[in-house]
Amino acid sequence: MIKVENVSFKYEDEYVLKDLKFSVNEGEIIAIVGKNGSGKSTIGKLVSGIIKLKEGHIYIDDIDILNKKNIKLIRNKVGIVFQNPENQIIFNNIYDELAFSIKDVSQKEIEEKIENALSNVDMIKYKNHELYTLSLGQKQRIAIAETLVRNPKYIILDEPTSMIDSSGKHKIHEIIKKLKKSGYTMVCITNLAEEILFADRVLILDNGKIAHEIQKKDLLEKIDILKQYNIKEPTVLEILYKLKENGIKLDIKDFTVDNLVETIKGRIFNEKSN
């Protein structure tokens, strides 16, 4: 579990986070949303140990991040993927990039870890390619593989699709869903409407604090809260909301386009049968 307790953080004299409190349970995805400059990325950097915590406490599996002796352990437990993969890639060759992150294991284990990580992001055939030959979306998948190869328990995704095209976004979204099924715990920092739906909970950051916490099952009922904070609602929620306004209430198990279509088809079939 990740626990953030009474965390405040400032750049120079201005606080971007104020007495922040939230937790992340094992195996869940939370989405942190909010306007630009609200401190979302700062949270990711604090939790992953990239920037130093000065006020409050962050615990990773009860390990206090404030203790300098724990930083290496924290960084092994928490991986982070930034919005621009080129900012975290060091080597030109993909194999070299991933191998650099693996320490104190045999060559056979290195090969296995690299192949597993690349398979998880559907990039195994690029194992020995040069990174300059890849698209930005493919580079982002390599950045995710570089995180996976270290086998972290928690993954921070800091606006991972904000710089890539729609095809690349779809690939990353499929990877997120796959990692969720594999049991990874993730914090998705995003402003993209559709990515909210991958989360079990949505945390709305405003004025340095968590203004609202919304369970996924309650998103439709609390869509006005998203609007209040100028957060674009996912298309599926928007459709369901419009239908509800017109007296048509649909109960769907998951907020996906496929699920919506199947529910509507079932509704039409039942009405024809009656």
C-alpha atoms as a PDB file:
ATOM      1  CA  MET A   1       0.000   0.000   0.000  1.00  0.00           C
ATOM      2  CA  ILE A   2       1.044   3.581  -0.684  1.00  0.00           C
ATOM      3  CA  LYS A   3       0.111   6.065   2.039  1.00  0.00           C
ATOM      4  CA  VAL A   4       0.493   9.802   1.633  1.00  0.00           C
ATOM      5  CA  GLU A   5       0.004  11.612   4.919  1.00  0.00           C
ATOM      6  CA  ASN A   6      -0.057  15.390   5.486  1.00  0.00           C
ATOM      7  CA  VAL A   7       2.305  16.085   2.575  1.00  0.00           C
ATOM      8  CA  SER A   8       3.044  19.674   1.628  1.00  0.00           C
ATOM      9  CA  PHE A   9       5.521  20.770  -1.018  1.00  0.00           C
ATOM     10  CA  LYS A  10       6.608  24.119  -2.399  1.00  0.00           C
ATOM     11  CA  TYR A  11       8.746  25.410  -5.234  1.00  0.00           C
ATOM     12  CA  GLU A  12      10.621  28.425  -3.900  1.00  0.00           C
ATOM     13  CA  ASP A  13       7.965  30.234  -1.820  1.00  0.00           C
ATOM     14  CA  GLU A  14       4.797  28.842  -3.405  1.00  0.00           C
ATOM     15  CA  TYR A  15       3.101  25.699  -2.140  1.00  0.00           C
ATOM     16  CA  VAL A  16       1.741  23.393  -4.849  1.00  0.00           C
ATOM     17  CA  LEU A  17       0.674  20.679  -2.384  1.00  0.00           C
ATOM     18  CA  LYS A  18      -0.910  21.439   0.979  1.00  0.00           C
ATOM     19  CA  ASP A  19      -1.495  18.837   3.682  1.00  0.00           C
ATOM     20  CA  LEU A  20      -2.177  16.185   1.032  1.00  0.00           C
ATOM     21  CA  LYS A  21      -3.680  12.878   2.184  1.00  0.00           C
ATOM     22  CA  PHE A  22      -4.594   9.762   0.217  1.00  0.00           C
ATOM     23  CA  SER A  23      -3.754   6.072  -0.088  1.00  0.00           C
ATOM     24  CA  VAL A  24      -3.447   3.520  -2.872  1.00  0.00           C
ATOM     25  CA  ASN A  25      -4.443  -0.066  -2.176  1.00  0.00           C
ATOM     26  CA  GLU A  26      -2.563  -2.986  -3.660  1.00  0.00           C
ATOM     27  CA  GLY A  27      -3.860  -4.093  -7.055  1.00  0.00           C
ATOM     28  CA  GLU A  28      -5.869  -0.959  -7.818  1.00  0.00           C
ATOM     29  CA  ILE A  29      -5.460   1.926 -10.219  1.00  0.00           C
ATOM     30  CA  ILE A  30      -6.142   5.450  -9.099  1.00  0.00           C
ATOM     31  CA  ALA A  31      -6.344   8.412 -11.459  1.00  0.00           C
ATOM     32  CA  ILE A  32      -5.172  11.798 -10.240  1.00  0.00           C
ATOM     33  CA  VAL A  33      -6.694  14.618 -12.272  1.00  0.00           C
ATOM     34  CA  GLY A  34      -6.632  18.390 -12.055  1.00  0.00           C
ATOM     35  CA  LYS A  35      -5.757  21.499 -13.989  1.00  0.00           C
ATOM     36  CA  ASN A  36      -2.236  22.112 -15.291  1.00  0.00           C
ATOM     37  CA  GLY A  37       0.073  23.307 -12.548  1.00  0.00           C
ATOM     38  CA  SER A  38      -2.025  21.738  -9.807  1.00  0.00           C
ATOM     39  CA  GLY A  39       0.851  19.558  -8.570  1.00  0.00           C
ATOM     40  CA  LYS A  40      -0.091  16.230 -10.163  1.00  0.00           C
ATOM     41  CA  SER A  41       3.387  15.473 -11.498  1.00  0.00           C
ATOM     42  CA  THR A  42       4.941  16.591  -8.227  1.00  0.00           C
ATOM     43  CA  ILE A  43       3.001  13.833  -6.458  1.00  0.00           C
ATOM     44  CA  GLY A  44       4.467  11.229  -8.811  1.00  0.00           C
ATOM     45  CA  LYS A  45       7.998  12.479  -8.272  1.00  0.00           C
ATOM     46  CA  LEU A  46       7.572  12.532  -4.491  1.00  0.00           C
ATOM     47  CA  VAL A  47       6.105   9.022  -4.303  1.00  0.00           C
ATOM     48  CA  SER A  48       8.863   7.606  -6.517  1.00  0.00           C
ATOM     49  CA  GLY A  49      11.606   9.333  -4.543  1.00  0.00           C
ATOM     50  CA  ILE A  50      12.807  11.514  -7.422  1.00  0.00           C
ATOM     51  CA  ILE A  51      12.352  14.709  -5.448  1.00  0.00           C
ATOM     52  CA  LYS A  52      12.948  14.979  -1.727  1.00  0.00           C
ATOM     53  CA  LEU A  53      10.006  15.020   0.647  1.00  0.00           C
ATOM     54  CA  LYS A  54      10.317  17.727   3.275  1.00  0.00           C
ATOM     55  CA  GLU A  55       6.894  18.036   4.905  1.00  0.00           C
ATOM     56  CA  GLY A  56       4.649  15.105   5.817  1.00  0.00           C
ATOM     57  CA  HIS A  57       5.128  11.377   5.296  1.00  0.00           C
ATOM     58  CA  ILE A  58       4.913   8.912   2.426  1.00  0.00           C
ATOM     59  CA  TYR A  59       4.968   5.201   3.167  1.00  0.00           C
ATOM     60  CA  ILE A  60       5.565   2.498   0.576  1.00  0.00           C
ATOM     61  CA  ASP A  61       4.541  -0.785   2.210  1.00  0.00           C
ATOM     62  CA  ASP A  62       5.152   0.888   5.593  1.00  0.00           C
ATOM     63  CA  ILE A  63       8.646   1.966   4.507  1.00  0.00           C
ATOM     64  CA  ASP A  64       9.105   5.653   5.321  1.00  0.00           C
ATOM     65  CA  ILE A  65      10.402   7.557   2.296  1.00  0.00           C
ATOM     66  CA  LEU A  66      11.774  10.271   4.615  1.00  0.00           C
ATOM     67  CA  ASN A  67      14.522   7.921   5.767  1.00  0.00           C
ATOM     68  CA  LYS A  68      17.421   8.387   3.336  1.00  0.00           C
ATOM     69  CA  LYS A  69      18.498   4.791   3.914  1.00  0.00           C
ATOM     70  CA  ASN A  70      15.246   3.625   2.325  1.00  0.00           C
ATOM     71  CA  ILE A  71      15.527   5.528  -0.975  1.00  0.00           C
ATOM     72  CA  LYS A  72      17.153   2.681  -2.924  1.00  0.00           C
ATOM     73  CA  LEU A  73      14.528   0.257  -1.653  1.00  0.00           C
ATOM     74  CA  ILE A  74      11.745   2.700  -2.546  1.00  0.00           C
ATOM     75  CA  ARG A  75      13.071   3.137  -6.074  1.00  0.00           C
ATOM     76  CA  ASN A  76      13.110  -0.637  -6.522  1.00  0.00           C
ATOM     77  CA  LYS A  77       9.490  -0.837  -5.432  1.00  0.00           C
ATOM     78  CA  VAL A  78       8.190   2.172  -7.402  1.00  0.00           C
ATOM     79  CA  GLY A  79       8.693   2.754 -11.128  1.00  0.00           C
ATOM     80  CA  ILE A  80       7.730   5.932 -12.947  1.00  0.00           C
ATOM     81  CA  VAL A  81       6.981   6.626 -16.612  1.00  0.00           C
ATOM     82  CA  PHE A  82       7.036  10.259 -17.762  1.00  0.00           C
ATOM     83  CA  GLN A  83       5.027  11.898 -20.538  1.00  0.00           C
ATOM     84  CA  ASN A  84       8.085  12.295 -22.794  1.00  0.00           C
ATOM     85  CA  PRO A  85       9.967   8.982 -23.126  1.00  0.00           C
ATOM     86  CA  GLU A  86      12.974  10.719 -24.659  1.00  0.00           C
ATOM     87  CA  ASN A  87      13.627  12.343 -21.277  1.00  0.00           C
ATOM     88  CA  GLN A  88      14.280   8.997 -19.595  1.00  0.00           C
ATOM     89  CA  ILE A  89      16.025   7.033 -22.336  1.00  0.00           C
ATOM     90  CA  ILE A  90      19.832   6.930 -22.106  1.00  0.00           C
ATOM     91  CA  PHE A  91      21.125   4.463 -24.701  1.00  0.00           C
ATOM     92  CA  ASN A  92      20.551   4.215 -28.442  1.00  0.00           C
ATOM     93  CA  ASN A  93      20.033   0.447 -28.463  1.00  0.00           C
ATOM     94  CA  ILE A  94      16.891  -1.044 -26.911  1.00  0.00           C
ATOM     95  CA  TYR A  95      18.637  -4.087 -25.430  1.00  0.00           C
ATOM     96  CA  ASP A  96      21.318  -1.899 -23.852  1.00  0.00           C
ATOM     97  CA  GLU A  97      18.650   0.452 -22.453  1.00  0.00           C
ATOM     98  CA  LEU A  98      16.827  -2.352 -20.660  1.00  0.00           C
ATOM     99  CA  ALA A  99      19.925  -4.278 -19.595  1.00  0.00           C
ATOM    100  CA  PHE A 100      21.293  -1.165 -17.867  1.00  0.00           C
ATOM    101  CA  SER A 101      18.427  -1.322 -15.354  1.00  0.00           C
ATOM    102  CA  ILE A 102      19.181  -4.924 -14.314  1.00  0.00           C
ATOM    103  CA  LYS A 103      21.811  -5.512 -11.681  1.00  0.00           C
ATOM    104  CA  ASP A 104      23.421  -8.505  -9.937  1.00  0.00           C
ATOM    105  CA  VAL A 105      21.807 -11.296 -11.983  1.00  0.00           C
ATOM    106  CA  SER A 106      23.086 -13.830 -14.506  1.00  0.00           C
ATOM    107  CA  GLN A 107      23.124 -13.215 -18.249  1.00  0.00           C
ATOM    108  CA  LYS A 108      20.347 -15.775 -18.631  1.00  0.00           C
ATOM    109  CA  GLU A 109      18.172 -13.866 -16.139  1.00  0.00           C
ATOM    110  CA  ILE A 110      18.903 -10.595 -17.933  1.00  0.00           C
ATOM    111  CA  GLU A 111      17.698 -12.130 -21.205  1.00  0.00           C
ATOM    112  CA  GLU A 112      14.538 -13.485 -19.551  1.00  0.00           C
ATOM    113  CA  LYS A 113      13.702 -10.193 -17.855  1.00  0.00           C
ATOM    114  CA  ILE A 114      14.188  -8.201 -21.057  1.00  0.00           C
ATOM    115  CA  GLU A 115      12.088 -10.588 -23.128  1.00  0.00           C
ATOM    116  CA  ASN A 116       9.282 -10.618 -20.545  1.00  0.00           C
ATOM    117  CA  ALA A 117       9.244  -6.825 -20.313  1.00  0.00           C
ATOM    118  CA  LEU A 118       9.228  -6.365 -24.095  1.00  0.00           C
ATOM    119  CA  SER A 119       6.500  -9.001 -24.479  1.00  0.00           C
ATOM    120  CA  ASN A 120       4.322  -7.115 -22.003  1.00  0.00           C
ATOM    121  CA  VAL A 121       4.480  -4.002 -24.198  1.00  0.00           C
ATOM    122  CA  ASP A 122       4.296  -5.890 -27.512  1.00  0.00           C
ATOM    123  CA  MET A 123       7.795  -4.819 -28.569  1.00  0.00           C
ATOM    124  CA  ILE A 124       9.701  -8.126 -28.469  1.00  0.00           C
ATOM    125  CA  LYS A 125      10.562  -8.008 -32.179  1.00  0.00           C
ATOM    126  CA  TYR A 126      12.390  -4.718 -31.592  1.00  0.00           C
ATOM    127  CA  LYS A 127      14.713  -6.206 -28.986  1.00  0.00           C
ATOM    128  CA  ASN A 128      17.926  -5.335 -30.851  1.00  0.00           C
ATOM    129  CA  HIS A 129      16.707  -2.253 -32.705  1.00  0.00           C
ATOM    130  CA  GLU A 130      18.021   1.263 -32.330  1.00  0.00           C
ATOM    131  CA  LEU A 131      15.693   3.645 -30.514  1.00  0.00           C
ATOM    132  CA  TYR A 132      16.005   6.397 -33.117  1.00  0.00           C
ATOM    133  CA  THR A 133      14.087   4.163 -35.563  1.00  0.00           C
ATOM    134  CA  LEU A 134      10.990   4.115 -33.331  1.00  0.00           C
ATOM    135  CA  SER A 135       7.964   6.378 -33.184  1.00  0.00           C
ATOM    136  CA  LEU A 136       7.315   8.365 -30.007  1.00  0.00           C
ATOM    137  CA  GLY A 137       4.561   5.923 -29.052  1.00  0.00           C
ATOM    138  CA  GLN A 138       6.926   2.974 -29.459  1.00  0.00           C
ATOM    139  CA  LYS A 139       9.550   4.769 -27.394  1.00  0.00           C
ATOM    140  CA  GLN A 140       6.962   5.187 -24.654  1.00  0.00           C
ATOM    141  CA  ARG A 141       6.346   1.448 -24.711  1.00  0.00           C
ATOM    142  CA  ILE A 142      10.102   0.927 -24.300  1.00  0.00           C
ATOM    143  CA  ALA A 143      10.050   3.354 -21.359  1.00  0.00           C
ATOM    144  CA  ILE A 144       7.322   1.220 -19.778  1.00  0.00           C
ATOM    145  CA  ALA A 145       9.359  -1.932 -20.500  1.00  0.00           C
ATOM    146  CA  GLU A 146      12.354  -0.299 -18.825  1.00  0.00           C
ATOM    147  CA  THR A 147      10.211   0.151 -15.722  1.00  0.00           C
ATOM    148  CA  LEU A 148       8.841  -3.404 -15.877  1.00  0.00           C
ATOM    149  CA  VAL A 149      12.268  -4.980 -16.266  1.00  0.00           C
ATOM    150  CA  ARG A 150      13.073  -3.863 -12.712  1.00  0.00           C
ATOM    151  CA  ASN A 151       9.919  -5.641 -11.514  1.00  0.00           C
ATOM    152  CA  PRO A 152       8.461  -2.832  -9.385  1.00  0.00           C
ATOM    153  CA  LYS A 153       5.383  -3.377  -7.279  1.00  0.00           C
ATOM    154  CA  TYR A 154       3.967   0.089  -8.007  1.00  0.00           C
ATOM    155  CA  ILE A 155       3.978   2.073 -11.247  1.00  0.00           C
ATOM    156  CA  ILE A 156       3.447   5.820 -11.592  1.00  0.00           C
ATOM    157  CA  LEU A 157       2.223   6.858 -15.048  1.00  0.00           C
ATOM    158  CA  ASP A 158       2.712  10.607 -15.444  1.00  0.00           C
ATOM    159  CA  GLU A 159       0.519  11.598 -18.418  1.00  0.00           C
ATOM    160  CA  PRO A 160       1.966   8.676 -20.442  1.00  0.00           C
ATOM    161  CA  THR A 161      -0.056   9.333 -23.613  1.00  0.00           C
ATOM    162  CA  SER A 162      -0.224  13.127 -23.730  1.00  0.00           C
ATOM    163  CA  MET A 163       2.453  13.434 -26.431  1.00  0.00           C
ATOM    164  CA  ILE A 164       1.573  10.532 -28.740  1.00  0.00           C
ATOM    165  CA  ASP A 165      -0.974   9.974 -31.494  1.00  0.00           C
ATOM    166  CA  SER A 166      -4.275   8.098 -31.204  1.00  0.00           C
ATOM    167  CA  SER A 167      -2.794   4.787 -32.364  1.00  0.00           C
ATOM    168  CA  GLY A 168      -0.019   5.060 -29.804  1.00  0.00           C
ATOM    169  CA  LYS A 169      -2.546   5.983 -27.103  1.00  0.00           C
ATOM    170  CA  HIS A 170      -4.577   2.865 -27.847  1.00  0.00           C
ATOM    171  CA  LYS A 171      -1.475   0.671 -27.479  1.00  0.00           C
ATOM    172  CA  ILE A 172      -0.581   2.231 -24.117  1.00  0.00           C
ATOM    173  CA  HIS A 173      -4.167   1.854 -22.918  1.00  0.00           C
ATOM    174  CA  GLU A 174      -4.090  -1.845 -23.764  1.00  0.00           C
ATOM    175  CA  ILE A 175      -0.830  -2.197 -21.822  1.00  0.00           C
ATOM    176  CA  ILE A 176      -2.344  -0.456 -18.771  1.00  0.00           C
ATOM    177  CA  LYS A 177      -5.306  -2.860 -18.811  1.00  0.00           C
ATOM    178  CA  LYS A 178      -2.934  -5.813 -19.188  1.00  0.00           C
ATOM    179  CA  LEU A 179      -0.778  -4.676 -16.265  1.00  0.00           C
ATOM    180  CA  LYS A 180      -3.898  -4.207 -14.147  1.00  0.00           C
ATOM    181  CA  LYS A 181      -4.895  -7.834 -14.810  1.00  0.00           C
ATOM    182  CA  SER A 182      -1.360  -8.899 -13.871  1.00  0.00           C
ATOM    183  CA  GLY A 183      -1.795  -7.356 -10.437  1.00  0.00           C
ATOM    184  CA  TYR A 184       0.242  -4.167 -10.708  1.00  0.00           C
ATOM    185  CA  THR A 185      -0.769  -1.216  -8.571  1.00  0.00           C
ATOM    186  CA  MET A 186      -0.782   2.003 -10.592  1.00  0.00           C
ATOM    187  CA  VAL A 187      -1.171   5.723 -10.135  1.00  0.00           C
ATOM    188  CA  CYS A 188      -2.226   7.319 -13.414  1.00  0.00           C
ATOM    189  CA  ILE A 189      -1.678  11.074 -13.518  1.00  0.00           C
ATOM    190  CA  THR A 190      -3.783  12.311 -16.405  1.00  0.00           C
ATOM    191  CA  ASN A 191      -6.039  14.935 -17.886  1.00  0.00           C
ATOM    192  CA  LEU A 192      -7.341  12.682 -20.651  1.00  0.00           C
ATOM    193  CA  ALA A 193     -10.993  11.770 -20.229  1.00  0.00           C
ATOM    194  CA  GLU A 194     -10.825   8.162 -21.415  1.00  0.00           C
ATOM    195  CA  GLU A 195      -7.951   7.314 -19.053  1.00  0.00           C
ATOM    196  CA  ILE A 196     -10.115   8.123 -16.056  1.00  0.00           C
ATOM    197  CA  LEU A 197     -12.117   4.983 -16.832  1.00  0.00           C
ATOM    198  CA  PHE A 198      -9.141   2.693 -16.234  1.00  0.00           C
ATOM    199  CA  ALA A 199      -9.104   3.738 -12.582  1.00  0.00           C
ATOM    200  CA  ASP A 200     -10.883   2.184  -9.628  1.00  0.00           C
ATOM    201  CA  ARG A 201     -10.942   5.637  -8.024  1.00  0.00           C
ATOM    202  CA  VAL A 202     -10.538   9.169  -9.317  1.00  0.00           C
ATOM    203  CA  LEU A 203      -8.880  11.801  -7.123  1.00  0.00           C
ATOM    204  CA  ILE A 204      -9.508  15.419  -8.105  1.00  0.00           C
ATOM    205  CA  LEU A 205      -6.625  17.674  -7.128  1.00  0.00           C
ATOM    206  CA  ASP A 206      -7.463  21.318  -6.519  1.00  0.00           C
ATOM    207  CA  ASN A 207      -5.592  24.032  -4.667  1.00  0.00           C
ATOM    208  CA  GLY A 208      -2.967  21.535  -3.521  1.00  0.00           C
ATOM    209  CA  LYS A 209      -5.451  19.124  -1.910  1.00  0.00           C
ATOM    210  CA  ILE A 210      -7.695  16.236  -2.868  1.00  0.00           C
ATOM    211  CA  ALA A 211     -10.996  18.037  -3.376  1.00  0.00           C
ATOM    212  CA  HIS A 212     -13.006  14.922  -4.250  1.00  0.00           C
ATOM    213  CA  GLU A 213     -12.564  11.175  -4.403  1.00  0.00           C
ATOM    214  CA  ILE A 214     -14.935   9.318  -6.732  1.00  0.00           C
ATOM    215  CA  GLN A 215     -15.318   5.565  -6.993  1.00  0.00           C
ATOM    216  CA  LYS A 216     -15.575   4.307 -10.560  1.00  0.00           C
ATOM    217  CA  LYS A 217     -19.070   2.946  -9.981  1.00  0.00           C
ATOM    218  CA  ASP A 218     -20.205   6.432  -8.914  1.00  0.00           C
ATOM    219  CA  LEU A 219     -18.763   8.381 -11.852  1.00  0.00           C
ATOM    220  CA  LEU A 220     -22.052   8.724 -13.709  1.00  0.00           C
ATOM    221  CA  GLU A 221     -23.889   9.965 -10.632  1.00  0.00           C
ATOM    222  CA  LYS A 222     -21.120  12.449  -9.883  1.00  0.00           C
ATOM    223  CA  ILE A 223     -20.401  13.640 -13.406  1.00  0.00           C
ATOM    224  CA  ASP A 224     -21.325  17.191 -12.361  1.00  0.00           C
ATOM    225  CA  ILE A 225     -18.290  17.189 -10.074  1.00  0.00           C
ATOM    226  CA  LEU A 226     -16.027  16.510 -13.061  1.00  0.00           C
ATOM    227  CA  LYS A 227     -17.697  19.372 -14.913  1.00  0.00           C
ATOM    228  CA  GLN A 228     -17.272  21.640 -11.889  1.00  0.00           C
ATOM    229  CA  TYR A 229     -13.498  21.246 -12.086  1.00  0.00           C
ATOM    230  CA  ASN A 230     -13.401  21.523 -15.896  1.00  0.00           C
ATOM    231  CA  ILE A 231     -12.444  17.877 -16.262  1.00  0.00           C
ATOM    232  CA  LYS A 232     -13.589  16.505 -19.594  1.00  0.00           C
ATOM    233  CA  GLU A 233     -15.959  13.615 -18.993  1.00  0.00           C
ATOM    234  CA  PRO A 234     -15.309  10.372 -20.902  1.00  0.00           C
ATOM    235  CA  THR A 235     -17.451   9.921 -24.027  1.00  0.00           C
ATOM    236  CA  VAL A 236     -19.251   6.876 -22.625  1.00  0.00           C
ATOM    237  CA  LEU A 237     -20.250   8.797 -19.492  1.00  0.00           C
ATOM    238  CA  GLU A 238     -21.392  11.726 -21.589  1.00  0.00           C
ATOM    239  CA  ILE A 239     -23.665   9.449 -23.656  1.00  0.00           C
ATOM    240  CA  LEU A 240     -25.072   7.756 -20.572  1.00  0.00           C
ATOM    241  CA  TYR A 241     -25.687  11.139 -18.958  1.00  0.00           C
ATOM    242  CA  LYS A 242     -27.577  12.424 -22.012  1.00  0.00           C
ATOM    243  CA  LEU A 243     -29.664   9.246 -22.135  1.00  0.00           C
ATOM    244  CA  LYS A 244     -30.457   9.610 -18.447  1.00  0.00           C
ATOM    245  CA  GLU A 245     -31.554  13.228 -18.979  1.00  0.00           C
ATOM    246  CA  ASN A 246     -33.988  11.919 -21.586  1.00  0.00           C
ATOM    247  CA  GLY A 247     -35.455   9.293 -19.283  1.00  0.00           C
ATOM    248  CA  ILE A 248     -33.363   6.345 -20.480  1.00  0.00           C
ATOM    249  CA  LYS A 249     -31.342   4.756 -17.711  1.00  0.00           C
ATOM    250  CA  LEU A 250     -28.889   2.020 -18.629  1.00  0.00           C
ATOM    251  CA  ASP A 251     -27.181  -0.158 -16.035  1.00  0.00           C
ATOM    252  CA  ILE A 252     -23.793  -1.191 -17.375  1.00  0.00           C
ATOM    253  CA  LYS A 253     -21.107  -3.217 -15.648  1.00  0.00           C
ATOM    254  CA  ASP A 254     -18.202  -1.284 -17.075  1.00  0.00           C
ATOM    255  CA  PHE A 255     -17.889   2.122 -18.703  1.00  0.00           C
ATOM    256  CA  THR A 256     -16.595   0.913 -22.072  1.00  0.00           C
ATOM    257  CA  VAL A 257     -17.924   1.488 -25.576  1.00  0.00           C
ATOM    258  CA  ASP A 258     -18.283  -2.273 -26.107  1.00  0.00           C
ATOM    259  CA  ASN A 259     -20.243  -2.662 -22.890  1.00  0.00           C
ATOM    260  CA  LEU A 260     -22.463   0.295 -23.789  1.00  0.00           C
ATOM    261  CA  VAL A 261     -23.205  -1.133 -27.234  1.00  0.00           C
ATOM    262  CA  GLU A 262     -24.000  -4.576 -25.828  1.00  0.00           C
ATOM    263  CA  THR A 263     -26.295  -3.049 -23.190  1.00  0.00           C
ATOM    264  CA  ILE A 264     -28.179  -1.019 -25.807  1.00  0.00           C
ATOM    265  CA  LYS A 265     -28.489  -4.085 -28.062  1.00  0.00           C
ATOM    266  CA  GLY A 266     -29.842  -6.087 -25.123  1.00  0.00           C
ATOM    267  CA  ARG A 267     -32.318  -3.330 -24.302  1.00  0.00           C
ATOM    268  CA  ILE A 268     -33.567  -3.224 -27.908  1.00  0.00           C
ATOM    269  CA  PHE A 269     -33.853  -7.017 -28.064  1.00  0.00           C
ATOM    270  CA  ASN A 270     -35.862  -7.160 -24.830  1.00  0.00           C
ATOM    271  CA  GLU A 271     -38.203  -4.421 -26.012  1.00  0.00           C
ATOM    272  CA  LYS A 272     -38.803  -6.230 -29.308  1.00  0.00           C
ATOM    273  CA  SER A 273     -39.424  -9.493 -27.447  1.00  0.00           C
ATOM    274  CA  ASN A 274     -42.043  -7.848 -25.278  1.00  0.00           C
END
